[in-house]
Amino acid sequence: MHQADLAACRALLREGSKSFHAASRVLPPSVRAPAAALYAFCRLADDAIDGERGSPAALAELSGRLARVYEGRPDPNPCDRALAAVVVTHALPRALPEALLEGLVWDAEGRRYADLAALNAYAARVAGTVGAMMTVVMGVRDPAALARACDLGVAMQLTNIARDVGEDARMGRLYLPLDWLEEAGIDPDAFLARPMFSPALGAVIARLLATAEELYDRALAGIGALPLACRPGIMAARLIYAEIGREVARRGLDSVSSRAVVGRRRKLALLARSLAAAPLARSGAALTVPPLAETRFLVQAVAATPPHRQVDGIGDRITWVIGLIERLQREDRLSQGRA
């Protein structure tokens, strides 16, 4: 990966994803660089699709960019080139970023979710994919570990949804399962027209947080399957996001009137706890629990992709990578000549 491309990705994250930029410091350098490339591409994709409200044109453009990345001829911009390097180095299955793009379109369309299974399908795409991609760049392709990584991604997304009910509603978005709202006697359209907290809504939020908590418990088993140096960062993410859910509960489950946050001091305490606990993490019985039905396709995509690019022998792999580097350098020179 070109250092200039990596620096551009990191600069983008410093401005647009401060939480990830801070959290990435806990990751080992070998993972920090590809993780920055992945998150930068995710950030740009999210902005592009959301800005166009999920238009077919926006999706077609991003799909084309992704196709060129996987063909080894990325567009001449830092994020695409950095992602192409990650694809080659880590044999990242194309199905993972493609699923992410699909989820971002669902988000921009303002799609609603009939039940928990439908919501999990959305969370699998916008967050489970990130868990799977991060696991791959950590050098882990074991299906059981990937299933737990997807659990963690889905749990974090459910926590986000529980925390942001009011904020989302004021933007005309509703992610809570519609059948849960119906059981609680809440009309979705009436709630969106006038977002207000009620004990009935609090019960729905509590139900969602309980679902997330079950997934956080399952995800813990997967942390022990990660390389030792990678465990503290993932443990910290798990602890901090779970704490967000507990903060929502401490506020009486009212995430309409205010937005729960975890303070800096509490985050530092949880980070210290993760540093102490991560080396002791052990893979328990939960590691072998089957993946969620909605994330199974992500686990299968990695299993179907060999750990190295499908070329004949190490000589061919070296030739392919050299060709990619030469092509990127040529594009840089042409771009500078036009400037």
C-alpha atoms as a PDB file:
ATOM      1  CA  MET A   1       0.000   0.000   0.000  1.00  0.00           C
ATOM      2  CA  HIS A   2       1.383   3.407  -0.965  1.00  0.00           C
ATOM      3  CA  GLN A   3       2.159   5.503   2.118  1.00  0.00           C
ATOM      4  CA  ALA A   4       0.589   8.556   0.477  1.00  0.00           C
ATOM      5  CA  ASP A   5      -2.665   6.646  -0.071  1.00  0.00           C
ATOM      6  CA  LEU A   6      -2.643   5.419   3.519  1.00  0.00           C
ATOM      7  CA  ALA A   7      -2.014   8.940   4.799  1.00  0.00           C
ATOM      8  CA  ALA A   8      -4.991  10.209   2.784  1.00  0.00           C
ATOM      9  CA  CYS A   9      -7.233   7.494   4.248  1.00  0.00           C
ATOM     10  CA  ARG A  10      -6.132   8.362   7.769  1.00  0.00           C
ATOM     11  CA  ALA A  11      -6.718  12.063   7.164  1.00  0.00           C
ATOM     12  CA  LEU A  12     -10.245  11.299   5.972  1.00  0.00           C
ATOM     13  CA  LEU A  13     -10.932   9.299   9.120  1.00  0.00           C
ATOM     14  CA  ARG A  14      -9.550  11.990  11.415  1.00  0.00           C
ATOM     15  CA  GLU A  15     -12.181  14.355  10.021  1.00  0.00           C
ATOM     16  CA  GLY A  16     -15.140  12.032   9.455  1.00  0.00           C
ATOM     17  CA  SER A  17     -14.704   9.066  11.827  1.00  0.00           C
ATOM     18  CA  LYS A  18     -12.995  10.330  14.960  1.00  0.00           C
ATOM     19  CA  SER A  19     -14.142   7.347  17.037  1.00  0.00           C
ATOM     20  CA  PHE A  20     -12.537   4.870  14.669  1.00  0.00           C
ATOM     21  CA  HIS A  21      -9.409   6.970  14.327  1.00  0.00           C
ATOM     22  CA  ALA A  22      -8.984   6.924  18.124  1.00  0.00           C
ATOM     23  CA  ALA A  23      -9.850   3.240  18.472  1.00  0.00           C
ATOM     24  CA  SER A  24      -7.469   2.222  15.688  1.00  0.00           C
ATOM     25  CA  ARG A  25      -4.513   3.229  17.853  1.00  0.00           C
ATOM     26  CA  VAL A  26      -5.106   0.093  19.938  1.00  0.00           C
ATOM     27  CA  LEU A  27      -4.724  -2.153  16.895  1.00  0.00           C
ATOM     28  CA  PRO A  28      -1.307  -3.511  15.893  1.00  0.00           C
ATOM     29  CA  PRO A  29       0.322  -1.665  12.960  1.00  0.00           C
ATOM     30  CA  SER A  30      -0.132  -4.661  10.649  1.00  0.00           C
ATOM     31  CA  VAL A  31      -3.909  -4.354  11.074  1.00  0.00           C
ATOM     32  CA  ARG A  32      -4.157  -0.590  11.542  1.00  0.00           C
ATOM     33  CA  ALA A  33      -3.233   0.199   7.921  1.00  0.00           C
ATOM     34  CA  PRO A  34      -5.682  -2.137   6.131  1.00  0.00           C
ATOM     35  CA  ALA A  35      -8.378  -1.222   8.671  1.00  0.00           C
ATOM     36  CA  ALA A  36      -7.915   2.467   7.789  1.00  0.00           C
ATOM     37  CA  ALA A  37      -8.296   1.633   4.092  1.00  0.00           C
ATOM     38  CA  LEU A  38     -11.478  -0.354   4.742  1.00  0.00           C
ATOM     39  CA  TYR A  39     -13.072   2.311   6.913  1.00  0.00           C
ATOM     40  CA  ALA A  40     -12.144   5.098   4.522  1.00  0.00           C
ATOM     41  CA  PHE A  41     -13.860   3.295   1.652  1.00  0.00           C
ATOM     42  CA  CYS A  42     -16.892   2.614   3.875  1.00  0.00           C
ATOM     43  CA  ARG A  43     -17.028   6.294   4.851  1.00  0.00           C
ATOM     44  CA  LEU A  44     -16.883   7.490   1.257  1.00  0.00           C
ATOM     45  CA  ALA A  45     -19.470   4.919   0.162  1.00  0.00           C
ATOM     46  CA  ASP A  46     -21.827   5.948   2.957  1.00  0.00           C
ATOM     47  CA  ASP A  47     -21.501   9.636   2.083  1.00  0.00           C
ATOM     48  CA  ALA A  48     -21.990   8.995  -1.653  1.00  0.00           C
ATOM     49  CA  ILE A  49     -25.097   6.836  -1.280  1.00  0.00           C
ATOM     50  CA  ASP A  50     -26.675   8.852   1.516  1.00  0.00           C
ATOM     51  CA  GLY A  51     -26.077  12.084  -0.404  1.00  0.00           C
ATOM     52  CA  GLU A  52     -28.003  10.689  -3.365  1.00  0.00           C
ATOM     53  CA  ARG A  53     -30.688   9.061  -1.173  1.00  0.00           C
ATOM     54  CA  GLY A  54     -29.789   5.617  -2.470  1.00  0.00           C
ATOM     55  CA  SER A  55     -30.269   6.465  -6.135  1.00  0.00           C
ATOM     56  CA  PRO A  56     -29.551   3.719  -8.689  1.00  0.00           C
ATOM     57  CA  ALA A  57     -26.939   5.992 -10.252  1.00  0.00           C
ATOM     58  CA  ALA A  58     -25.020   6.339  -6.981  1.00  0.00           C
ATOM     59  CA  LEU A  59     -25.069   2.586  -6.422  1.00  0.00           C
ATOM     60  CA  ALA A  60     -24.018   1.909 -10.025  1.00  0.00           C
ATOM     61  CA  GLU A  61     -21.079   4.282  -9.699  1.00  0.00           C
ATOM     62  CA  LEU A  62     -19.880   2.705  -6.453  1.00  0.00           C
ATOM     63  CA  SER A  63     -20.415  -0.816  -7.783  1.00  0.00           C
ATOM     64  CA  GLY A  64     -18.326   0.097 -10.804  1.00  0.00           C
ATOM     65  CA  ARG A  65     -15.554   1.443  -8.617  1.00  0.00           C
ATOM     66  CA  LEU A  66     -15.624  -1.723  -6.540  1.00  0.00           C
ATOM     67  CA  ALA A  67     -15.512  -3.898  -9.655  1.00  0.00           C
ATOM     68  CA  ARG A  68     -12.437  -2.033 -10.888  1.00  0.00           C
ATOM     69  CA  VAL A  69     -10.792  -2.492  -7.491  1.00  0.00           C
ATOM     70  CA  TYR A  70     -11.274  -6.249  -7.753  1.00  0.00           C
ATOM     71  CA  GLU A  71     -10.050  -6.255 -11.349  1.00  0.00           C
ATOM     72  CA  GLY A  72      -6.793  -4.687 -10.203  1.00  0.00           C
ATOM     73  CA  ARG A  73      -7.375  -1.347 -11.951  1.00  0.00           C
ATOM     74  CA  PRO A  74      -8.755   0.931  -9.211  1.00  0.00           C
ATOM     75  CA  ASP A  75      -9.759   4.489  -9.948  1.00  0.00           C
ATOM     76  CA  PRO A  76      -6.894   6.956  -9.415  1.00  0.00           C
ATOM     77  CA  ASN A  77      -7.829   8.061  -5.923  1.00  0.00           C
ATOM     78  CA  PRO A  78      -6.243   7.101  -2.585  1.00  0.00           C
ATOM     79  CA  CYS A  79      -9.167   5.179  -1.067  1.00  0.00           C
ATOM     80  CA  ASP A  80      -9.738   2.952  -4.090  1.00  0.00           C
ATOM     81  CA  ARG A  81      -6.036   2.233  -4.491  1.00  0.00           C
ATOM     82  CA  ALA A  82      -5.637   1.467  -0.787  1.00  0.00           C
ATOM     83  CA  LEU A  83      -8.627  -0.883  -0.902  1.00  0.00           C
ATOM     84  CA  ALA A  84      -7.147  -2.644  -3.947  1.00  0.00           C
ATOM     85  CA  ALA A  85      -3.982  -3.315  -1.954  1.00  0.00           C
ATOM     86  CA  VAL A  86      -6.044  -4.784   0.902  1.00  0.00           C
ATOM     87  CA  VAL A  87      -7.977  -6.997  -1.520  1.00  0.00           C
ATOM     88  CA  VAL A  88      -4.738  -8.428  -2.916  1.00  0.00           C
ATOM     89  CA  THR A  89      -2.902  -8.825   0.379  1.00  0.00           C
ATOM     90  CA  HIS A  90      -5.760 -10.305   2.390  1.00  0.00           C
ATOM     91  CA  ALA A  91      -7.883 -12.033  -0.283  1.00  0.00           C
ATOM     92  CA  LEU A  92     -10.907 -10.034   0.822  1.00  0.00           C
ATOM     93  CA  PRO A  93     -14.080 -11.588  -0.649  1.00  0.00           C
ATOM     94  CA  ARG A  94     -15.936  -9.202  -2.922  1.00  0.00           C
ATOM     95  CA  ALA A  95     -19.263 -10.282  -1.404  1.00  0.00           C
ATOM     96  CA  LEU A  96     -18.430  -8.412   1.813  1.00  0.00           C
ATOM     97  CA  PRO A  97     -18.101  -4.833   0.470  1.00  0.00           C
ATOM     98  CA  GLU A  98     -20.924  -5.551  -1.998  1.00  0.00           C
ATOM     99  CA  ALA A  99     -23.220  -6.443   0.901  1.00  0.00           C
ATOM    100  CA  LEU A 100     -22.173  -3.249   2.679  1.00  0.00           C
ATOM    101  CA  LEU A 101     -23.174  -1.180  -0.351  1.00  0.00           C
ATOM    102  CA  GLU A 102     -26.543  -2.926  -0.423  1.00  0.00           C
ATOM    103  CA  GLY A 103     -27.138  -2.088   3.231  1.00  0.00           C
ATOM    104  CA  LEU A 104     -26.205   1.554   2.697  1.00  0.00           C
ATOM    105  CA  VAL A 105     -28.806   1.756  -0.071  1.00  0.00           C
ATOM    106  CA  TRP A 106     -31.438   0.303   2.259  1.00  0.00           C
ATOM    107  CA  ASP A 107     -30.463   2.966   4.774  1.00  0.00           C
ATOM    108  CA  ALA A 108     -30.698   5.831   2.294  1.00  0.00           C
ATOM    109  CA  GLU A 109     -34.062   4.578   1.033  1.00  0.00           C
ATOM    110  CA  GLY A 110     -35.473   4.845   4.548  1.00  0.00           C
ATOM    111  CA  ARG A 111     -36.472   1.187   4.518  1.00  0.00           C
ATOM    112  CA  ARG A 112     -38.447  -0.090   7.497  1.00  0.00           C
ATOM    113  CA  TYR A 113     -38.109  -3.568   9.000  1.00  0.00           C
ATOM    114  CA  ALA A 114     -41.074  -5.824   9.624  1.00  0.00           C
ATOM    115  CA  ASP A 115     -39.448  -7.930  12.334  1.00  0.00           C
ATOM    116  CA  LEU A 116     -36.164  -8.697  14.059  1.00  0.00           C
ATOM    117  CA  ALA A 117     -35.034 -11.008  11.252  1.00  0.00           C
ATOM    118  CA  ALA A 118     -35.420  -8.182   8.723  1.00  0.00           C
ATOM    119  CA  LEU A 119     -33.586  -5.765  11.029  1.00  0.00           C
ATOM    120  CA  ASN A 120     -30.792  -8.307  11.503  1.00  0.00           C
ATOM    121  CA  ALA A 121     -30.487  -8.580   7.708  1.00  0.00           C
ATOM    122  CA  TYR A 122     -29.911  -4.821   7.559  1.00  0.00           C
ATOM    123  CA  ALA A 123     -27.453  -4.877  10.490  1.00  0.00           C
ATOM    124  CA  ALA A 124     -25.597  -7.783   8.869  1.00  0.00           C
ATOM    125  CA  ARG A 125     -24.953  -5.623   5.812  1.00  0.00           C
ATOM    126  CA  VAL A 126     -23.975  -2.324   7.407  1.00  0.00           C
ATOM    127  CA  ALA A 127     -22.115  -3.715  10.449  1.00  0.00           C
ATOM    128  CA  GLY A 128     -21.703  -7.495  10.215  1.00  0.00           C
ATOM    129  CA  THR A 129     -19.727  -6.937   7.019  1.00  0.00           C
ATOM    130  CA  VAL A 130     -17.312  -4.668   8.878  1.00  0.00           C
ATOM    131  CA  GLY A 131     -16.800  -7.321  11.555  1.00  0.00           C
ATOM    132  CA  ALA A 132     -16.116  -9.938   8.892  1.00  0.00           C
ATOM    133  CA  MET A 133     -13.727  -7.695   6.943  1.00  0.00           C
ATOM    134  CA  MET A 134     -11.806  -6.747  10.084  1.00  0.00           C
ATOM    135  CA  THR A 135     -11.459 -10.417  11.021  1.00  0.00           C
ATOM    136  CA  VAL A 136     -10.066 -11.210   7.574  1.00  0.00           C
ATOM    137  CA  VAL A 137      -7.445  -8.444   7.739  1.00  0.00           C
ATOM    138  CA  MET A 138      -6.432  -9.798  11.151  1.00  0.00           C
ATOM    139  CA  GLY A 139      -5.527 -12.988   9.353  1.00  0.00           C
ATOM    140  CA  VAL A 140      -8.393 -15.066  10.774  1.00  0.00           C
ATOM    141  CA  ARG A 141     -10.686 -16.948   8.385  1.00  0.00           C
ATOM    142  CA  ASP A 142     -12.095 -19.586  10.734  1.00  0.00           C
ATOM    143  CA  PRO A 143     -15.899 -19.761  10.245  1.00  0.00           C
ATOM    144  CA  ALA A 144     -16.608 -19.887  13.979  1.00  0.00           C
ATOM    145  CA  ALA A 145     -14.534 -16.762  14.672  1.00  0.00           C
ATOM    146  CA  LEU A 146     -16.160 -14.984  11.721  1.00  0.00           C
ATOM    147  CA  ALA A 147     -19.629 -15.844  13.024  1.00  0.00           C
ATOM    148  CA  ARG A 148     -18.789 -14.222  16.359  1.00  0.00           C
ATOM    149  CA  ALA A 149     -17.327 -11.164  14.626  1.00  0.00           C
ATOM    150  CA  CYS A 150     -20.602 -10.764  12.738  1.00  0.00           C
ATOM    151  CA  ASP A 151     -22.480 -11.125  16.043  1.00  0.00           C
ATOM    152  CA  LEU A 152     -20.445  -8.234  17.427  1.00  0.00           C
ATOM    153  CA  GLY A 153     -21.139  -6.064  14.391  1.00  0.00           C
ATOM    154  CA  VAL A 154     -24.880  -6.737  14.552  1.00  0.00           C
ATOM    155  CA  ALA A 155     -24.937  -6.092  18.318  1.00  0.00           C
ATOM    156  CA  MET A 156     -23.207  -2.756  17.851  1.00  0.00           C
ATOM    157  CA  GLN A 157     -25.694  -1.729  15.168  1.00  0.00           C
ATOM    158  CA  LEU A 158     -28.663  -2.693  17.364  1.00  0.00           C
ATOM    159  CA  THR A 159     -27.140  -0.578  20.143  1.00  0.00           C
ATOM    160  CA  ASN A 160     -26.810   2.359  17.737  1.00  0.00           C
ATOM    161  CA  ILE A 161     -30.466   1.986  16.794  1.00  0.00           C
ATOM    162  CA  ALA A 162     -31.585   1.847  20.439  1.00  0.00           C
ATOM    163  CA  ARG A 163     -29.514   4.940  21.263  1.00  0.00           C
ATOM    164  CA  ASP A 164     -30.660   7.001  18.265  1.00  0.00           C
ATOM    165  CA  VAL A 165     -34.433   6.420  18.205  1.00  0.00           C
ATOM    166  CA  GLY A 166     -35.280  10.095  18.612  1.00  0.00           C
ATOM    167  CA  GLU A 167     -32.526  11.397  16.358  1.00  0.00           C
ATOM    168  CA  ASP A 168     -33.509   8.967  13.592  1.00  0.00           C
ATOM    169  CA  ALA A 169     -37.214   9.764  13.966  1.00  0.00           C
ATOM    170  CA  ARG A 170     -36.585  13.477  13.547  1.00  0.00           C
ATOM    171  CA  MET A 171     -34.937  12.613  10.220  1.00  0.00           C
ATOM    172  CA  GLY A 172     -37.956  10.509   9.216  1.00  0.00           C
ATOM    173  CA  ARG A 173     -36.223   7.176   9.849  1.00  0.00           C
ATOM    174  CA  LEU A 174     -37.456   4.276  11.942  1.00  0.00           C
ATOM    175  CA  TYR A 175     -35.486   1.093  12.496  1.00  0.00           C
ATOM    176  CA  LEU A 176     -37.349  -0.588  15.367  1.00  0.00           C
ATOM    177  CA  PRO A 177     -39.091  -3.834  14.309  1.00  0.00           C
ATOM    178  CA  LEU A 178     -42.610  -2.969  13.201  1.00  0.00           C
ATOM    179  CA  ASP A 179     -44.140  -6.061  14.776  1.00  0.00           C
ATOM    180  CA  TRP A 180     -42.670  -5.083  18.154  1.00  0.00           C
ATOM    181  CA  LEU A 181     -44.149  -1.606  17.809  1.00  0.00           C
ATOM    182  CA  GLU A 182     -47.524  -3.084  16.911  1.00  0.00           C
ATOM    183  CA  GLU A 183     -47.431  -5.365  19.954  1.00  0.00           C
ATOM    184  CA  ALA A 184     -46.655  -2.302  22.101  1.00  0.00           C
ATOM    185  CA  GLY A 185     -49.571  -0.368  20.595  1.00  0.00           C
ATOM    186  CA  ILE A 186     -47.382   2.199  18.825  1.00  0.00           C
ATOM    187  CA  ASP A 187     -48.342   3.486  15.376  1.00  0.00           C
ATOM    188  CA  PRO A 188     -45.118   4.032  13.405  1.00  0.00           C
ATOM    189  CA  ASP A 189     -46.400   6.941  11.309  1.00  0.00           C
ATOM    190  CA  ALA A 190     -47.885   8.717  14.310  1.00  0.00           C
ATOM    191  CA  PHE A 191     -44.598   8.314  16.181  1.00  0.00           C
ATOM    192  CA  LEU A 192     -42.587   9.728  13.281  1.00  0.00           C
ATOM    193  CA  ALA A 193     -44.975  12.666  12.962  1.00  0.00           C
ATOM    194  CA  ARG A 194     -44.458  13.496  16.651  1.00  0.00           C
ATOM    195  CA  PRO A 195     -41.567  11.608  18.246  1.00  0.00           C
ATOM    196  CA  MET A 196     -42.241  11.273  21.964  1.00  0.00           C
ATOM    197  CA  PHE A 197     -41.062   8.854  24.612  1.00  0.00           C
ATOM    198  CA  SER A 198     -43.540   6.552  26.328  1.00  0.00           C
ATOM    199  CA  PRO A 199     -43.233   3.528  28.607  1.00  0.00           C
ATOM    200  CA  ALA A 200     -44.427   1.379  25.709  1.00  0.00           C
ATOM    201  CA  LEU A 201     -41.601   2.660  23.519  1.00  0.00           C
ATOM    202  CA  GLY A 202     -39.174   2.097  26.389  1.00  0.00           C
ATOM    203  CA  ALA A 203     -40.225  -1.547  26.507  1.00  0.00           C
ATOM    204  CA  VAL A 204     -39.407  -1.924  22.795  1.00  0.00           C
ATOM    205  CA  ILE A 205     -36.008  -0.290  23.293  1.00  0.00           C
ATOM    206  CA  ALA A 206     -35.317  -2.568  26.278  1.00  0.00           C
ATOM    207  CA  ARG A 207     -36.177  -5.571  24.133  1.00  0.00           C
ATOM    208  CA  LEU A 208     -33.721  -4.458  21.454  1.00  0.00           C
ATOM    209  CA  LEU A 209     -30.962  -3.877  24.014  1.00  0.00           C
ATOM    210  CA  ALA A 210     -31.540  -7.334  25.479  1.00  0.00           C
ATOM    211  CA  THR A 211     -31.124  -8.822  22.002  1.00  0.00           C
ATOM    212  CA  ALA A 212     -27.872  -6.896  21.560  1.00  0.00           C
ATOM    213  CA  GLU A 213     -26.635  -8.051  24.960  1.00  0.00           C
ATOM    214  CA  GLU A 214     -27.100 -11.698  23.976  1.00  0.00           C
ATOM    215  CA  LEU A 215     -24.958 -11.086  20.903  1.00  0.00           C
ATOM    216  CA  TYR A 216     -22.269  -9.280  22.927  1.00  0.00           C
ATOM    217  CA  ASP A 217     -22.090 -12.366  25.166  1.00  0.00           C
ATOM    218  CA  ARG A 218     -21.675 -14.626  22.133  1.00  0.00           C
ATOM    219  CA  ALA A 219     -19.088 -12.326  20.569  1.00  0.00           C
ATOM    220  CA  LEU A 220     -16.843 -12.617  23.622  1.00  0.00           C
ATOM    221  CA  ALA A 221     -15.973 -16.196  22.676  1.00  0.00           C
ATOM    222  CA  GLY A 222     -14.688 -15.022  19.314  1.00  0.00           C
ATOM    223  CA  ILE A 223     -12.197 -12.555  20.808  1.00  0.00           C
ATOM    224  CA  GLY A 224     -10.156 -15.459  22.148  1.00  0.00           C
ATOM    225  CA  ALA A 225      -9.817 -16.751  18.572  1.00  0.00           C
ATOM    226  CA  LEU A 226      -8.118 -13.539  17.409  1.00  0.00           C
ATOM    227  CA  PRO A 227      -4.359 -12.856  17.420  1.00  0.00           C
ATOM    228  CA  LEU A 228      -3.256 -11.698  20.867  1.00  0.00           C
ATOM    229  CA  ALA A 229      -2.259  -8.218  19.659  1.00  0.00           C
ATOM    230  CA  CYS A 230      -5.711  -7.652  18.113  1.00  0.00           C
ATOM    231  CA  ARG A 231      -7.768  -8.607  21.152  1.00  0.00           C
ATOM    232  CA  PRO A 232      -7.574  -5.381  23.211  1.00  0.00           C
ATOM    233  CA  GLY A 233      -9.007  -3.184  20.433  1.00  0.00           C
ATOM    234  CA  ILE A 234     -11.921  -5.519  19.728  1.00  0.00           C
ATOM    235  CA  MET A 235     -12.563  -6.096  23.436  1.00  0.00           C
ATOM    236  CA  ALA A 236     -12.632  -2.319  23.937  1.00  0.00           C
ATOM    237  CA  ALA A 237     -15.167  -1.873  21.132  1.00  0.00           C
ATOM    238  CA  ARG A 238     -17.353  -4.584  22.663  1.00  0.00           C
ATOM    239  CA  LEU A 239     -17.204  -3.083  26.156  1.00  0.00           C
ATOM    240  CA  ILE A 240     -17.766   0.524  25.065  1.00  0.00           C
ATOM    241  CA  TYR A 241     -20.737  -0.247  22.828  1.00  0.00           C
ATOM    242  CA  ALA A 242     -22.337  -2.472  25.446  1.00  0.00           C
ATOM    243  CA  GLU A 243     -21.886   0.394  27.905  1.00  0.00           C
ATOM    244  CA  ILE A 244     -23.789   2.707  25.545  1.00  0.00           C
ATOM    245  CA  GLY A 245     -26.764   0.364  25.850  1.00  0.00           C
ATOM    246  CA  ARG A 246     -26.468   0.360  29.637  1.00  0.00           C
ATOM    247  CA  GLU A 247     -26.384   4.159  29.617  1.00  0.00           C
ATOM    248  CA  VAL A 248     -29.626   4.169  27.620  1.00  0.00           C
ATOM    249  CA  ALA A 249     -31.129   1.927  30.311  1.00  0.00           C
ATOM    250  CA  ARG A 250     -29.856   4.193  33.101  1.00  0.00           C
ATOM    251  CA  ARG A 251     -31.664   7.100  31.429  1.00  0.00           C
ATOM    252  CA  GLY A 252     -34.937   5.238  31.748  1.00  0.00           C
ATOM    253  CA  LEU A 253     -34.729   3.900  28.173  1.00  0.00           C
ATOM    254  CA  ASP A 254     -35.625   7.367  26.870  1.00  0.00           C
ATOM    255  CA  SER A 255     -33.511   7.758  23.740  1.00  0.00           C
ATOM    256  CA  VAL A 256     -35.979  10.232  22.231  1.00  0.00           C
ATOM    257  CA  SER A 257     -35.439  13.200  24.564  1.00  0.00           C
ATOM    258  CA  SER A 258     -31.657  12.797  24.706  1.00  0.00           C
ATOM    259  CA  ARG A 259     -28.824  10.752  23.254  1.00  0.00           C
ATOM    260  CA  ALA A 260     -26.824   8.526  25.577  1.00  0.00           C
ATOM    261  CA  VAL A 261     -23.060   8.961  25.551  1.00  0.00           C
ATOM    262  CA  VAL A 262     -20.227   7.272  27.396  1.00  0.00           C
ATOM    263  CA  GLY A 263     -17.961   9.865  28.955  1.00  0.00           C
ATOM    264  CA  ARG A 264     -14.227  10.055  28.376  1.00  0.00           C
ATOM    265  CA  ARG A 265     -13.366   8.871  31.886  1.00  0.00           C
ATOM    266  CA  ARG A 266     -15.619   5.842  31.564  1.00  0.00           C
ATOM    267  CA  LYS A 267     -14.171   5.040  28.114  1.00  0.00           C
ATOM    268  CA  LEU A 268     -10.652   5.147  29.532  1.00  0.00           C
ATOM    269  CA  ALA A 269     -11.690   2.806  32.350  1.00  0.00           C
ATOM    270  CA  LEU A 270     -13.199   0.384  29.847  1.00  0.00           C
ATOM    271  CA  LEU A 271     -10.089   0.593  27.679  1.00  0.00           C
ATOM    272  CA  ALA A 272      -7.942  -0.272  30.694  1.00  0.00           C
ATOM    273  CA  ARG A 273     -10.253  -3.162  31.457  1.00  0.00           C
ATOM    274  CA  SER A 274      -9.954  -4.411  27.883  1.00  0.00           C
ATOM    275  CA  LEU A 275      -6.162  -4.287  28.040  1.00  0.00           C
ATOM    276  CA  ALA A 276      -6.231  -6.398  31.184  1.00  0.00           C
ATOM    277  CA  ALA A 277      -8.909  -8.844  30.082  1.00  0.00           C
ATOM    278  CA  ALA A 278      -8.065  -9.364  26.411  1.00  0.00           C
ATOM    279  CA  PRO A 279      -4.950 -11.541  26.907  1.00  0.00           C
ATOM    280  CA  LEU A 280      -7.014 -13.853  29.119  1.00  0.00           C
ATOM    281  CA  ALA A 281      -9.883 -14.217  26.636  1.00  0.00           C
ATOM    282  CA  ARG A 282     -10.662 -17.839  25.922  1.00  0.00           C
ATOM    283  CA  SER A 283     -12.864 -19.343  23.247  1.00  0.00           C
ATOM    284  CA  GLY A 284     -15.728 -21.048  25.045  1.00  0.00           C
ATOM    285  CA  ALA A 285     -18.697 -23.135  23.986  1.00  0.00           C
ATOM    286  CA  ALA A 286     -20.346 -20.089  22.397  1.00  0.00           C
ATOM    287  CA  LEU A 287     -17.674 -20.134  19.691  1.00  0.00           C
ATOM    288  CA  THR A 288     -19.367 -23.113  18.040  1.00  0.00           C
ATOM    289  CA  VAL A 289     -22.867 -21.633  18.035  1.00  0.00           C
ATOM    290  CA  PRO A 290     -24.054 -21.348  14.402  1.00  0.00           C
ATOM    291  CA  PRO A 291     -24.041 -17.845  12.910  1.00  0.00           C
ATOM    292  CA  LEU A 292     -27.205 -15.810  12.751  1.00  0.00           C
ATOM    293  CA  ALA A 293     -29.241 -16.840   9.723  1.00  0.00           C
ATOM    294  CA  GLU A 294     -28.840 -13.295   8.411  1.00  0.00           C
ATOM    295  CA  THR A 295     -25.016 -13.318   8.626  1.00  0.00           C
ATOM    296  CA  ARG A 296     -24.415 -16.855   7.369  1.00  0.00           C
ATOM    297  CA  PHE A 297     -23.805 -15.643   3.795  1.00  0.00           C
ATOM    298  CA  LEU A 298     -20.898 -13.492   5.011  1.00  0.00           C
ATOM    299  CA  VAL A 299     -19.219 -16.428   6.744  1.00  0.00           C
ATOM    300  CA  GLN A 300     -19.749 -18.594   3.681  1.00  0.00           C
ATOM    301  CA  ALA A 301     -18.272 -15.935   1.382  1.00  0.00           C
ATOM    302  CA  VAL A 302     -14.993 -16.018   3.300  1.00  0.00           C
ATOM    303  CA  ALA A 303     -14.982 -19.822   3.403  1.00  0.00           C
ATOM    304  CA  ALA A 304     -15.399 -19.901  -0.377  1.00  0.00           C
ATOM    305  CA  THR A 305     -12.434 -17.560  -0.943  1.00  0.00           C
ATOM    306  CA  PRO A 306      -8.933 -19.044  -0.638  1.00  0.00           C
ATOM    307  CA  PRO A 307      -6.527 -17.172   1.633  1.00  0.00           C
ATOM    308  CA  HIS A 308      -4.403 -16.126  -1.351  1.00  0.00           C
ATOM    309  CA  ARG A 309      -5.387 -14.736  -4.700  1.00  0.00           C
ATOM    310  CA  GLN A 310      -6.232 -17.455  -7.210  1.00  0.00           C
ATOM    311  CA  VAL A 311      -3.157 -17.315  -9.406  1.00  0.00           C
ATOM    312  CA  ASP A 312      -0.709 -20.056 -10.272  1.00  0.00           C
ATOM    313  CA  GLY A 313       2.138 -20.054  -7.768  1.00  0.00           C
ATOM    314  CA  ILE A 314       4.112 -17.428  -5.898  1.00  0.00           C
ATOM    315  CA  GLY A 315       5.791 -16.211  -9.085  1.00  0.00           C
ATOM    316  CA  ASP A 316       2.463 -15.317 -10.644  1.00  0.00           C
ATOM    317  CA  ARG A 317       1.360 -13.558  -7.466  1.00  0.00           C
ATOM    318  CA  ILE A 318       4.509 -11.436  -7.444  1.00  0.00           C
ATOM    319  CA  THR A 319       4.081 -10.619 -11.133  1.00  0.00           C
ATOM    320  CA  TRP A 320       0.454  -9.607 -10.560  1.00  0.00           C
ATOM    321  CA  VAL A 321       1.327  -7.304  -7.646  1.00  0.00           C
ATOM    322  CA  ILE A 322       4.237  -5.699  -9.534  1.00  0.00           C
ATOM    323  CA  GLY A 323       1.914  -5.070 -12.475  1.00  0.00           C
ATOM    324  CA  LEU A 324      -0.615  -3.397 -10.186  1.00  0.00           C
ATOM    325  CA  ILE A 325       2.059  -1.160  -8.639  1.00  0.00           C
ATOM    326  CA  GLU A 326       3.401  -0.148 -12.054  1.00  0.00           C
ATOM    327  CA  ARG A 327      -0.096   0.654 -13.287  1.00  0.00           C
ATOM    328  CA  LEU A 328      -0.830   2.820 -10.228  1.00  0.00           C
ATOM    329  CA  GLN A 329       2.462   4.673 -10.629  1.00  0.00           C
ATOM    330  CA  ARG A 330       1.696   5.296 -14.314  1.00  0.00           C
ATOM    331  CA  GLU A 331      -1.745   6.676 -13.405  1.00  0.00           C
ATOM    332  CA  ASP A 332      -0.141   8.950 -10.814  1.00  0.00           C
ATOM    333  CA  ARG A 333       2.219  10.385 -13.422  1.00  0.00           C
ATOM    334  CA  LEU A 334      -0.606  10.949 -15.874  1.00  0.00           C
ATOM    335  CA  SER A 335      -2.700  12.607 -13.199  1.00  0.00           C
ATOM    336  CA  GLN A 336       0.162  14.914 -12.225  1.00  0.00           C
ATOM    337  CA  GLY A 337       0.686  15.781 -15.872  1.00  0.00           C
ATOM    338  CA  ARG A 338      -2.944  16.915 -16.185  1.00  0.00           C
ATOM    339  CA  ALA A 339      -2.798  18.969 -12.999  1.00  0.00           C
END
